[in-house]
Amino acid sequence: MTMPGQDDGALKQRLAFFGFDARAQSVLAELKPFVARAIRPALDTFYRKLRETPEVRRLFADEDHIANAETRQESHWATLATARFDPEYVEGVRRVGLAHPRIGLEPRWYI
């Protein structure tokens, strides 16, 4: 599925802008097992900090909401580590990118 204003050429242009060529994508894919091992501890740390930070914690209704976000975040990193930047990937990150301002999550909390 191609999102409006996003074609394969535009995606390739954006990847090239960041220097993320076929070689870089290959290296990332080779790192997938490392990412798989490292992401859980990293997310545990991140979501512990989230729970301790009132400005961010208030954006979540309850622990189930946080757990759901954490599961989606883990899935995102697993997908990212495949280094397949296709229209489905772009659509997924676009949805998240649009959700952040909608819920009031400022970039300073995730960049």
C-alpha atoms as a PDB file:
ATOM      1  CA  MET A   1       0.000   0.000   0.000  1.00  0.00           C
ATOM      2  CA  THR A   2       1.453   3.341  -0.999  1.00  0.00           C
ATOM      3  CA  MET A   3       0.432   6.234   1.151  1.00  0.00           C
ATOM      4  CA  PRO A   4      -0.645   9.484  -0.425  1.00  0.00           C
ATOM      5  CA  GLY A   5       2.362  11.417  -1.650  1.00  0.00           C
ATOM      6  CA  GLN A   6       4.678   8.472  -0.995  1.00  0.00           C
ATOM      7  CA  ASP A   7       5.897   6.362  -3.868  1.00  0.00           C
ATOM      8  CA  ASP A   8       8.784   3.938  -4.086  1.00  0.00           C
ATOM      9  CA  GLY A   9      10.991   6.654  -5.608  1.00  0.00           C
ATOM     10  CA  ALA A  10      10.319   9.034  -2.709  1.00  0.00           C
ATOM     11  CA  LEU A  11      11.154   6.327  -0.182  1.00  0.00           C
ATOM     12  CA  LYS A  12      14.397   5.508  -1.988  1.00  0.00           C
ATOM     13  CA  GLN A  13      15.235   9.213  -2.065  1.00  0.00           C
ATOM     14  CA  ARG A  14      14.709   9.508   1.692  1.00  0.00           C
ATOM     15  CA  LEU A  15      16.825   6.421   2.377  1.00  0.00           C
ATOM     16  CA  ALA A  16      19.570   7.826   0.128  1.00  0.00           C
ATOM     17  CA  PHE A  17      19.395  11.160   1.963  1.00  0.00           C
ATOM     18  CA  PHE A  18      20.231   9.350   5.189  1.00  0.00           C
ATOM     19  CA  GLY A  19      22.947   7.291   3.490  1.00  0.00           C
ATOM     20  CA  PHE A  20      20.959   4.164   4.086  1.00  0.00           C
ATOM     21  CA  ASP A  21      21.949   2.247   0.981  1.00  0.00           C
ATOM     22  CA  ALA A  22      21.749  -1.483   0.284  1.00  0.00           C
ATOM     23  CA  ARG A  23      24.970  -2.115   2.215  1.00  0.00           C
ATOM     24  CA  ALA A  24      23.707  -0.285   5.300  1.00  0.00           C
ATOM     25  CA  GLN A  25      20.427  -2.190   5.099  1.00  0.00           C
ATOM     26  CA  SER A  26      22.365  -5.455   4.863  1.00  0.00           C
ATOM     27  CA  VAL A  27      24.408  -4.572   7.943  1.00  0.00           C
ATOM     28  CA  LEU A  28      21.228  -3.705   9.854  1.00  0.00           C
ATOM     29  CA  ALA A  29      19.644  -7.023   8.865  1.00  0.00           C
ATOM     30  CA  GLU A  30      22.767  -8.825  10.119  1.00  0.00           C
ATOM     31  CA  LEU A  31      22.304  -7.065  13.461  1.00  0.00           C
ATOM     32  CA  LYS A  32      18.747  -8.361  13.851  1.00  0.00           C
ATOM     33  CA  PRO A  33      19.708 -11.016  16.460  1.00  0.00           C
ATOM     34  CA  PHE A  34      21.496  -8.356  18.531  1.00  0.00           C
ATOM     35  CA  VAL A  35      18.494  -6.028  18.300  1.00  0.00           C
ATOM     36  CA  ALA A  36      16.211  -8.912  19.329  1.00  0.00           C
ATOM     37  CA  ARG A  37      18.315  -9.533  22.463  1.00  0.00           C
ATOM     38  CA  ALA A  38      18.814  -5.879  23.346  1.00  0.00           C
ATOM     39  CA  ILE A  39      15.362  -4.420  22.748  1.00  0.00           C
ATOM     40  CA  ARG A  40      13.563  -5.934  25.752  1.00  0.00           C
ATOM     41  CA  PRO A  41      16.010  -4.537  28.357  1.00  0.00           C
ATOM     42  CA  ALA A  42      16.058  -1.181  26.545  1.00  0.00           C
ATOM     43  CA  LEU A  43      12.268  -0.993  26.482  1.00  0.00           C
ATOM     44  CA  ASP A  44      12.039  -2.049  30.120  1.00  0.00           C
ATOM     45  CA  THR A  45      14.294   0.893  31.001  1.00  0.00           C
ATOM     46  CA  PHE A  46      12.397   3.291  28.738  1.00  0.00           C
ATOM     47  CA  TYR A  47       8.948   2.358  30.074  1.00  0.00           C
ATOM     48  CA  ARG A  48      10.172   2.438  33.672  1.00  0.00           C
ATOM     49  CA  LYS A  49      11.269   6.037  33.031  1.00  0.00           C
ATOM     50  CA  LEU A  50       7.945   6.734  31.328  1.00  0.00           C
ATOM     51  CA  ARG A  51       6.082   5.561  34.424  1.00  0.00           C
ATOM     52  CA  GLU A  52       8.245   7.857  36.594  1.00  0.00           C
ATOM     53  CA  THR A  53       7.714  10.944  34.429  1.00  0.00           C
ATOM     54  CA  PRO A  54       4.317  12.577  35.063  1.00  0.00           C
ATOM     55  CA  GLU A  55       4.368  14.587  31.809  1.00  0.00           C
ATOM     56  CA  VAL A  56       4.465  11.355  29.817  1.00  0.00           C
ATOM     57  CA  ARG A  57       2.694   8.960  32.198  1.00  0.00           C
ATOM     58  CA  ARG A  58      -0.476  11.079  32.014  1.00  0.00           C
ATOM     59  CA  LEU A  59      -0.848  10.149  28.331  1.00  0.00           C
ATOM     60  CA  PHE A  60      -1.618   6.543  29.263  1.00  0.00           C
ATOM     61  CA  ALA A  61      -4.934   5.464  30.733  1.00  0.00           C
ATOM     62  CA  ASP A  62      -3.574   2.548  32.751  1.00  0.00           C
ATOM     63  CA  GLU A  63      -0.972  -0.231  32.873  1.00  0.00           C
ATOM     64  CA  ASP A  64      -2.701  -2.159  30.076  1.00  0.00           C
ATOM     65  CA  HIS A  65      -2.363   0.884  27.837  1.00  0.00           C
ATOM     66  CA  ILE A  66       1.355   1.098  28.631  1.00  0.00           C
ATOM     67  CA  ALA A  67       1.834  -2.637  28.068  1.00  0.00           C
ATOM     68  CA  ASN A  68       0.122  -2.357  24.694  1.00  0.00           C
ATOM     69  CA  ALA A  69       2.391   0.522  23.685  1.00  0.00           C
ATOM     70  CA  GLU A  70       5.419  -1.445  24.814  1.00  0.00           C
ATOM     71  CA  THR A  71       4.358  -4.461  22.746  1.00  0.00           C
ATOM     72  CA  ARG A  72       3.862  -2.269  19.683  1.00  0.00           C
ATOM     73  CA  GLN A  73       7.250  -0.644  20.279  1.00  0.00           C
ATOM     74  CA  GLU A  74       8.928  -4.056  20.473  1.00  0.00           C
ATOM     75  CA  SER A  75       7.224  -5.049  17.229  1.00  0.00           C
ATOM     76  CA  HIS A  76       8.380  -1.812  15.586  1.00  0.00           C
ATOM     77  CA  TRP A  77      12.020  -2.492  16.473  1.00  0.00           C
ATOM     78  CA  ALA A  78      11.754  -6.100  15.275  1.00  0.00           C
ATOM     79  CA  THR A  79      10.404  -4.819  11.963  1.00  0.00           C
ATOM     80  CA  LEU A  80      13.047  -2.115  11.767  1.00  0.00           C
ATOM     81  CA  ALA A  81      15.770  -4.724  12.259  1.00  0.00           C
ATOM     82  CA  THR A  82      14.604  -6.603   9.161  1.00  0.00           C
ATOM     83  CA  ALA A  83      15.805  -3.575   7.120  1.00  0.00           C
ATOM     84  CA  ARG A  84      12.812  -3.906   4.808  1.00  0.00           C
ATOM     85  CA  PHE A  85      11.676  -0.362   4.311  1.00  0.00           C
ATOM     86  CA  ASP A  86       8.628  -0.949   2.205  1.00  0.00           C
ATOM     87  CA  PRO A  87       5.354   0.965   1.954  1.00  0.00           C
ATOM     88  CA  GLU A  88       3.848  -1.105   4.802  1.00  0.00           C
ATOM     89  CA  TYR A  89       6.702  -0.059   7.094  1.00  0.00           C
ATOM     90  CA  VAL A  90       6.333   3.567   6.026  1.00  0.00           C
ATOM     91  CA  GLU A  91       2.595   3.487   6.673  1.00  0.00           C
ATOM     92  CA  GLY A  92       3.149   2.058  10.158  1.00  0.00           C
ATOM     93  CA  VAL A  93       5.650   4.706  11.198  1.00  0.00           C
ATOM     94  CA  ARG A  94       3.483   7.392   9.611  1.00  0.00           C
ATOM     95  CA  ARG A  95       0.527   6.297  11.781  1.00  0.00           C
ATOM     96  CA  VAL A  96       2.682   6.468  14.905  1.00  0.00           C
ATOM     97  CA  GLY A  97       4.085   9.826  13.836  1.00  0.00           C
ATOM     98  CA  LEU A  98       0.575  11.205  13.464  1.00  0.00           C
ATOM     99  CA  ALA A  99      -0.585   9.709  16.758  1.00  0.00           C
ATOM    100  CA  HIS A 100       2.108  11.397  18.836  1.00  0.00           C
ATOM    101  CA  PRO A 101       0.905  14.983  18.323  1.00  0.00           C
ATOM    102  CA  ARG A 102      -2.726  13.858  18.477  1.00  0.00           C
ATOM    103  CA  ILE A 103      -2.217  12.570  22.037  1.00  0.00           C
ATOM    104  CA  GLY A 104       0.058  15.457  23.006  1.00  0.00           C
ATOM    105  CA  LEU A 105       3.338  13.542  23.099  1.00  0.00           C
ATOM    106  CA  GLU A 106       6.053  16.078  22.432  1.00  0.00           C
ATOM    107  CA  PRO A 107       9.126  15.031  20.399  1.00  0.00           C
ATOM    108  CA  ARG A 108      11.395  15.845  23.342  1.00  0.00           C
ATOM    109  CA  TRP A 109      10.138  12.646  25.017  1.00  0.00           C
ATOM    110  CA  TYR A 110      11.056  10.245  22.219  1.00  0.00           C
ATOM    111  CA  ILE A 111      13.819  11.821  20.134  1.00  0.00           C
END
